[in-house]
């Protein structure tokens, strides 16, 4: 029975970490999010280990069910936000690459006088 309450506690900790990560993503605090990722993975590992051999009492299952649903919902939203961020970064990298190419091209031409016949 005590293992059941330990399991419930692990789910609550996982949900808290999940909510923290989601809030960080919503606030675009990407560096902080990465730091919390390790805590999330560790919490999932603890949960997996504690759930392994014990039978879960029905009343504990009923308490865990909404926690698990919220954790999964948070994960879906977090993945969406991460995908949006990845697209933003892809756009920025593309712009930086184009800017570098322009600077490189015009840098070679600087100080030179070009005549129409040379183009």
N, C-alpha and C. Protein backbone atom coordinates (compact mmCIF):
# COMPACT_ATOMS: atom_id res chain seq x y z
N UNK A 1 0.83 -1.20 0.00
CA UNK A 1 0.00 0.00 0.00
C UNK A 1 0.87 1.26 0.00
N UNK A 2 1.96 1.19 0.77
CA UNK A 2 2.85 2.35 0.84
C UNK A 2 3.48 2.62 -0.51
N UNK A 3 3.75 1.54 -1.27
CA UNK A 3 4.32 1.70 -2.61
C UNK A 3 3.36 2.44 -3.52
N UNK A 4 2.05 2.21 -3.32
CA UNK A 4 1.04 2.91 -4.12
C UNK A 4 1.09 4.42 -3.91
N UNK A 5 1.29 4.83 -2.67
CA UNK A 5 1.34 6.26 -2.39
C UNK A 5 2.65 6.86 -2.89
N UNK A 6 3.72 6.05 -2.84
CA UNK A 6 4.99 6.49 -3.43
C UNK A 6 4.85 6.69 -4.93
N UNK A 7 4.12 5.79 -5.56
CA UNK A 7 3.87 5.90 -6.99
C UNK A 7 3.07 7.16 -7.31
N UNK A 8 2.04 7.41 -6.52
CA UNK A 8 1.24 8.62 -6.69
C UNK A 8 2.11 9.86 -6.52
N UNK A 9 3.00 9.84 -5.55
CA UNK A 9 3.91 10.96 -5.33
C UNK A 9 4.82 11.18 -6.55
N UNK A 10 5.31 10.10 -7.14
CA UNK A 10 6.16 10.22 -8.33
C UNK A 10 5.38 10.84 -9.50
N UNK A 11 4.14 10.46 -9.67
CA UNK A 11 3.31 11.05 -10.71
C UNK A 11 3.10 12.55 -10.46
N UNK A 12 2.89 12.91 -9.21
CA UNK A 12 2.72 14.32 -8.88
C UNK A 12 3.98 15.12 -9.17
N UNK A 13 5.14 14.55 -8.85
CA UNK A 13 6.40 15.22 -9.14
C UNK A 13 6.61 15.36 -10.65
N UNK A 14 6.27 14.31 -11.37
CA UNK A 14 6.40 14.36 -12.83
C UNK A 14 5.49 15.43 -13.42
N UNK A 15 4.27 15.52 -12.90
CA UNK A 15 3.35 16.55 -13.38
C UNK A 15 3.88 17.95 -13.08
N UNK A 16 4.44 18.16 -11.91
CA UNK A 16 4.99 19.47 -11.56
C UNK A 16 6.13 19.84 -12.51
N UNK A 17 7.00 18.89 -12.78
CA UNK A 17 8.12 19.14 -13.70
C UNK A 17 7.60 19.41 -15.10
N UNK A 18 6.60 18.67 -15.50
CA UNK A 18 5.99 18.85 -16.82
C UNK A 18 5.37 20.24 -16.95
N UNK A 19 4.67 20.68 -15.92
CA UNK A 19 4.06 22.02 -15.94
C UNK A 19 5.12 23.12 -15.98
N UNK A 20 6.20 22.92 -15.24
CA UNK A 20 7.29 23.88 -15.25
C UNK A 20 7.89 24.00 -16.65
N UNK A 21 8.13 22.86 -17.27
CA UNK A 21 8.72 22.86 -18.62
C UNK A 21 7.78 23.53 -19.62
N UNK A 22 6.51 23.26 -19.51
CA UNK A 22 5.53 23.86 -20.42
C UNK A 22 5.50 25.37 -20.24
N UNK A 23 5.51 25.83 -19.01
CA UNK A 23 5.53 27.27 -18.76
C UNK A 23 6.79 27.93 -19.31
N UNK A 24 7.92 27.27 -19.15
CA UNK A 24 9.17 27.81 -19.70
C UNK A 24 9.10 27.91 -21.22
N UNK A 25 8.52 26.92 -21.85
CA UNK A 25 8.39 26.95 -23.31
C UNK A 25 7.44 28.06 -23.75
N UNK A 26 6.35 28.23 -23.02
CA UNK A 26 5.40 29.30 -23.35
C UNK A 26 6.06 30.67 -23.23
N UNK A 27 6.99 30.80 -22.28
CA UNK A 27 7.70 32.07 -22.06
C UNK A 27 8.95 32.19 -22.92
N UNK A 28 9.18 31.20 -23.78
CA UNK A 28 10.35 31.17 -24.68
C UNK A 28 11.66 31.21 -23.89
N UNK A 29 11.69 30.56 -22.75
CA UNK A 29 12.91 30.46 -21.94
C UNK A 29 13.56 29.11 -22.24
N UNK A 30 14.13 29.01 -23.43
CA UNK A 30 14.61 27.75 -23.96
C UNK A 30 15.80 27.17 -23.18
N UNK A 31 16.71 28.00 -22.74
CA UNK A 31 17.86 27.52 -21.97
C UNK A 31 17.41 26.91 -20.65
N UNK A 32 16.47 27.57 -19.99
CA UNK A 32 15.94 27.04 -18.72
C UNK A 32 15.19 25.73 -18.96
N UNK A 33 14.49 25.65 -20.07
CA UNK A 33 13.75 24.43 -20.41
C UNK A 33 14.71 23.25 -20.54
N UNK A 34 15.82 23.47 -21.20
CA UNK A 34 16.80 22.40 -21.39
C UNK A 34 17.33 21.92 -20.05
N UNK A 35 17.53 22.84 -19.12
CA UNK A 35 18.02 22.46 -17.80
C UNK A 35 17.00 21.59 -17.06
N UNK A 36 15.72 21.82 -17.27
CA UNK A 36 14.68 21.04 -16.60
C UNK A 36 14.44 19.69 -17.27
N UNK A 37 14.93 19.54 -18.47
CA UNK A 37 14.71 18.29 -19.20
C UNK A 37 15.31 17.10 -18.45
N UNK A 38 16.48 17.28 -17.86
CA UNK A 38 17.12 16.20 -17.12
C UNK A 38 16.26 15.79 -15.91
N UNK A 39 15.70 16.75 -15.22
CA UNK A 39 14.82 16.44 -14.08
C UNK A 39 13.60 15.66 -14.54
N UNK A 40 13.09 15.99 -15.70
CA UNK A 40 11.92 15.29 -16.24
C UNK A 40 12.27 13.84 -16.57
N UNK A 41 13.39 13.64 -17.24
CA UNK A 41 13.81 12.29 -17.61
C UNK A 41 14.07 11.46 -16.35
N UNK A 42 14.69 12.06 -15.36
CA UNK A 42 14.95 11.38 -14.10
C UNK A 42 13.64 11.00 -13.41
N UNK A 43 12.67 11.89 -13.42
CA UNK A 43 11.37 11.60 -12.80
C UNK A 43 10.67 10.45 -13.52
N UNK A 44 10.78 10.40 -14.84
CA UNK A 44 10.17 9.30 -15.60
C UNK A 44 10.85 7.98 -15.24
N UNK A 45 12.18 8.01 -15.11
CA UNK A 45 12.91 6.79 -14.74
C UNK A 45 12.50 6.30 -13.35
N UNK A 46 12.38 7.22 -12.39
CA UNK A 46 11.95 6.85 -11.04
C UNK A 46 10.55 6.25 -11.07
N UNK A 47 9.71 6.84 -11.85
CA UNK A 47 8.34 6.37 -11.98
C UNK A 47 8.31 4.95 -12.54
N UNK A 48 9.10 4.72 -13.56
CA UNK A 48 9.16 3.40 -14.19
C UNK A 48 9.66 2.36 -13.20
N UNK A 49 10.68 2.70 -12.43
CA UNK A 49 11.24 1.77 -11.44
C UNK A 49 10.25 1.48 -10.32
N UNK A 50 9.56 2.49 -9.85
CA UNK A 50 8.65 2.29 -8.72
C UNK A 50 7.37 1.58 -9.13
N UNK A 51 7.03 1.63 -10.39
CA UNK A 51 5.79 1.01 -10.86
C UNK A 51 6.01 -0.45 -11.21
N UNK A 52 7.24 -0.84 -11.42
CA UNK A 52 7.57 -2.16 -11.92
C UNK A 52 6.87 -3.34 -11.28
N UNK A 53 7.08 -3.59 -10.01
CA UNK A 53 6.63 -4.85 -9.41
C UNK A 53 5.35 -4.75 -8.60
N UNK A 54 4.86 -3.57 -8.36
CA UNK A 54 3.71 -3.45 -7.45
C UNK A 54 2.39 -3.41 -8.19
N UNK A 55 1.37 -3.99 -7.53
CA UNK A 55 0.00 -3.87 -8.03
C UNK A 55 -0.54 -2.53 -7.53
N UNK A 56 -1.23 -1.85 -8.40
CA UNK A 56 -1.74 -0.52 -8.04
C UNK A 56 -3.19 -0.66 -7.59
N UNK A 57 -3.46 -0.16 -6.40
CA UNK A 57 -4.82 -0.21 -5.85
C UNK A 57 -5.76 0.63 -6.73
N UNK A 58 -7.00 0.20 -6.88
CA UNK A 58 -7.95 0.92 -7.73
C UNK A 58 -8.13 2.39 -7.37
N UNK A 59 -8.16 2.73 -6.08
CA UNK A 59 -8.36 4.13 -5.71
C UNK A 59 -7.12 4.97 -6.06
N UNK A 60 -5.95 4.35 -6.04
CA UNK A 60 -4.73 5.07 -6.44
C UNK A 60 -4.72 5.24 -7.96
N UNK A 61 -5.17 4.22 -8.68
CA UNK A 61 -5.28 4.33 -10.14
C UNK A 61 -6.20 5.48 -10.52
N UNK A 62 -7.29 5.61 -9.78
CA UNK A 62 -8.24 6.69 -10.05
C UNK A 62 -7.60 8.06 -9.82
N UNK A 63 -6.68 8.16 -8.87
CA UNK A 63 -5.99 9.42 -8.62
C UNK A 63 -4.89 9.68 -9.65
N UNK A 64 -4.29 8.62 -10.12
CA UNK A 64 -3.20 8.74 -11.09
C UNK A 64 -3.72 9.12 -12.48
N UNK A 65 -4.86 8.59 -12.85
CA UNK A 65 -5.41 8.77 -14.20
C UNK A 65 -5.45 10.24 -14.64
N UNK A 66 -6.02 11.18 -13.86
CA UNK A 66 -6.03 12.58 -14.32
C UNK A 66 -4.63 13.21 -14.36
N UNK A 67 -3.75 12.75 -13.46
CA UNK A 67 -2.38 13.26 -13.49
C UNK A 67 -1.69 12.85 -14.78
N UNK A 68 -1.86 11.59 -15.14
CA UNK A 68 -1.25 11.08 -16.36
C UNK A 68 -1.82 11.77 -17.60
N UNK A 69 -3.12 12.01 -17.61
CA UNK A 69 -3.73 12.71 -18.74
C UNK A 69 -3.14 14.11 -18.88
N UNK A 70 -2.99 14.81 -17.77
CA UNK A 70 -2.42 16.17 -17.83
C UNK A 70 -0.96 16.13 -18.28
N UNK A 71 -0.21 15.14 -17.82
CA UNK A 71 1.19 15.00 -18.24
C UNK A 71 1.26 14.80 -19.75
N UNK A 72 0.41 13.94 -20.27
CA UNK A 72 0.40 13.68 -21.71
C UNK A 72 -0.06 14.90 -22.50
N UNK A 73 -1.06 15.61 -22.00
CA UNK A 73 -1.51 16.84 -22.66
C UNK A 73 -0.40 17.89 -22.68
N UNK A 74 0.30 18.00 -21.55
CA UNK A 74 1.43 18.94 -21.50
C UNK A 74 2.51 18.58 -22.51
N UNK A 75 2.76 17.29 -22.63
CA UNK A 75 3.79 16.84 -23.56
C UNK A 75 3.41 17.16 -25.01
N UNK A 76 2.15 17.00 -25.35
CA UNK A 76 1.69 17.33 -26.70
C UNK A 76 1.89 18.82 -26.98
N UNK A 77 1.47 19.66 -26.03
CA UNK A 77 1.62 21.10 -26.23
C UNK A 77 3.10 21.50 -26.27
N UNK A 78 3.90 20.88 -25.42
CA UNK A 78 5.34 21.18 -25.40
C UNK A 78 5.98 20.82 -26.74
N UNK A 79 5.63 19.68 -27.28
CA UNK A 79 6.16 19.27 -28.59
C UNK A 79 5.76 20.27 -29.67
N UNK A 80 4.54 20.76 -29.61
CA UNK A 80 4.08 21.76 -30.58
C UNK A 80 4.91 23.04 -30.47
N UNK A 81 5.13 23.50 -29.24
CA UNK A 81 5.93 24.71 -29.02
C UNK A 81 7.38 24.50 -29.47
N UNK A 82 7.92 23.33 -29.21
CA UNK A 82 9.29 23.03 -29.64
C UNK A 82 9.40 22.98 -31.16
N UNK A 83 8.38 22.45 -31.79
CA UNK A 83 8.36 22.40 -33.25
C UNK A 83 8.32 23.83 -33.83
N UNK A 84 7.50 24.69 -33.24
CA UNK A 84 7.44 26.08 -33.68
C UNK A 84 8.79 26.76 -33.51
N UNK A 85 9.45 26.49 -32.39
CA UNK A 85 10.77 27.08 -32.14
C UNK A 85 11.79 26.58 -33.15
N UNK A 86 11.71 25.31 -33.48
CA UNK A 86 12.62 24.74 -34.47
C UNK A 86 12.42 25.41 -35.83
N UNK A 87 11.19 25.70 -36.19
CA UNK A 87 10.92 26.39 -37.45
C UNK A 87 11.47 27.82 -37.42
N UNK A 88 11.33 28.50 -36.27
CA UNK A 88 11.90 29.84 -36.13
C UNK A 88 13.41 29.81 -36.31
N UNK A 89 14.04 28.84 -35.68
CA UNK A 89 15.50 28.71 -35.79
C UNK A 89 15.92 28.38 -37.22
N UNK A 90 15.16 27.53 -37.87
CA UNK A 90 15.46 27.18 -39.26
C UNK A 90 15.38 28.43 -40.14
N UNK A 91 14.38 29.26 -39.91
CA UNK A 91 14.24 30.51 -40.66
C UNK A 91 15.42 31.44 -40.39
N UNK A 92 15.80 31.57 -39.12
CA UNK A 92 16.92 32.43 -38.77
C UNK A 92 18.23 31.94 -39.37
N UNK A 93 18.44 30.65 -39.36
CA UNK A 93 19.66 30.09 -39.97
C UNK A 93 19.67 30.36 -41.47
N UNK A 94 18.52 30.21 -42.11
CA UNK A 94 18.43 30.49 -43.54
C UNK A 94 18.73 31.95 -43.84
N UNK A 95 18.18 32.86 -43.04
CA UNK A 95 18.43 34.29 -43.23
C UNK A 95 19.91 34.61 -43.01
N UNK A 96 20.49 34.02 -41.99
CA UNK A 96 21.90 34.26 -41.70
C UNK A 96 22.77 33.76 -42.85
N UNK A 97 22.43 32.63 -43.38
CA UNK A 97 23.19 32.07 -44.50
C UNK A 97 23.09 32.97 -45.73
N UNK A 98 21.89 33.46 -46.01
CA UNK A 98 21.72 34.36 -47.17
C UNK A 98 22.48 35.67 -46.94
N UNK A 99 22.43 36.18 -45.72
CA UNK A 99 23.15 37.42 -45.40
C UNK A 99 24.65 37.21 -45.55
N UNK A 100 25.14 36.09 -45.11
CA UNK A 100 26.57 35.78 -45.24
C UNK A 100 26.97 35.72 -46.72
N UNK A 101 26.13 35.09 -47.53
CA UNK A 101 26.42 35.01 -48.96
C UNK A 101 26.44 36.39 -49.60
N UNK A 102 25.48 37.24 -49.22
CA UNK A 102 25.46 38.61 -49.75
C UNK A 102 26.70 39.39 -49.34
N UNK A 103 27.03 39.31 -48.06
CA UNK A 103 28.21 40.02 -47.57
C UNK A 103 29.48 39.52 -48.25
N UNK A 104 29.56 38.25 -48.45
CA UNK A 104 30.72 37.67 -49.11
C UNK A 104 30.81 38.13 -50.56
N UNK A 105 29.69 38.13 -51.26
CA UNK A 105 29.66 38.55 -52.66
C UNK A 105 29.99 40.02 -52.79
N UNK A 106 29.33 40.87 -52.02
CA UNK A 106 29.58 42.31 -52.12
C UNK A 106 30.93 42.69 -51.54
N UNK A 107 31.43 41.92 -50.61
CA UNK A 107 32.75 42.19 -50.04
C UNK A 107 33.85 42.02 -51.07
N UNK A 108 33.70 41.04 -51.93
CA UNK A 108 34.70 40.82 -52.99
C UNK A 108 34.66 41.94 -54.02
N UNK A 109 33.48 42.54 -54.18
CA UNK A 109 33.34 43.58 -55.21
C UNK A 109 33.66 44.97 -54.67
N UNK A 110 33.83 45.10 -53.38
CA UNK A 110 34.04 46.42 -52.81
C UNK A 110 35.36 47.00 -53.31
N UNK A 111 35.31 48.26 -53.66
CA UNK A 111 36.50 48.95 -54.15
C UNK A 111 36.74 48.75 -55.64
N UNK A 112 35.98 47.89 -56.25
CA UNK A 112 36.13 47.66 -57.69
C UNK A 112 35.08 48.47 -58.44
N UNK A 113 35.49 48.96 -59.57
CA UNK A 113 34.55 49.64 -60.45
C UNK A 113 34.15 48.64 -61.52
N UNK A 114 32.86 48.38 -61.58
CA UNK A 114 32.37 47.43 -62.58
C UNK A 114 31.73 48.20 -63.72
N UNK A 115 32.08 47.79 -64.89
CA UNK A 115 31.48 48.36 -66.08
C UNK A 115 30.47 47.36 -66.62
N UNK A 116 29.43 47.83 -67.28
CA UNK A 116 28.36 46.93 -67.76
C UNK A 116 28.90 45.76 -68.58
N UNK A 117 29.93 45.96 -69.30
CA UNK A 117 30.46 44.87 -70.13
C UNK A 117 31.14 43.79 -69.28
N UNK A 118 31.49 44.10 -68.02
CA UNK A 118 32.16 43.13 -67.17
C UNK A 118 31.18 42.27 -66.37
N UNK A 119 29.92 42.65 -66.36
CA UNK A 119 28.93 41.89 -65.60
C UNK A 119 28.55 40.71 -66.38
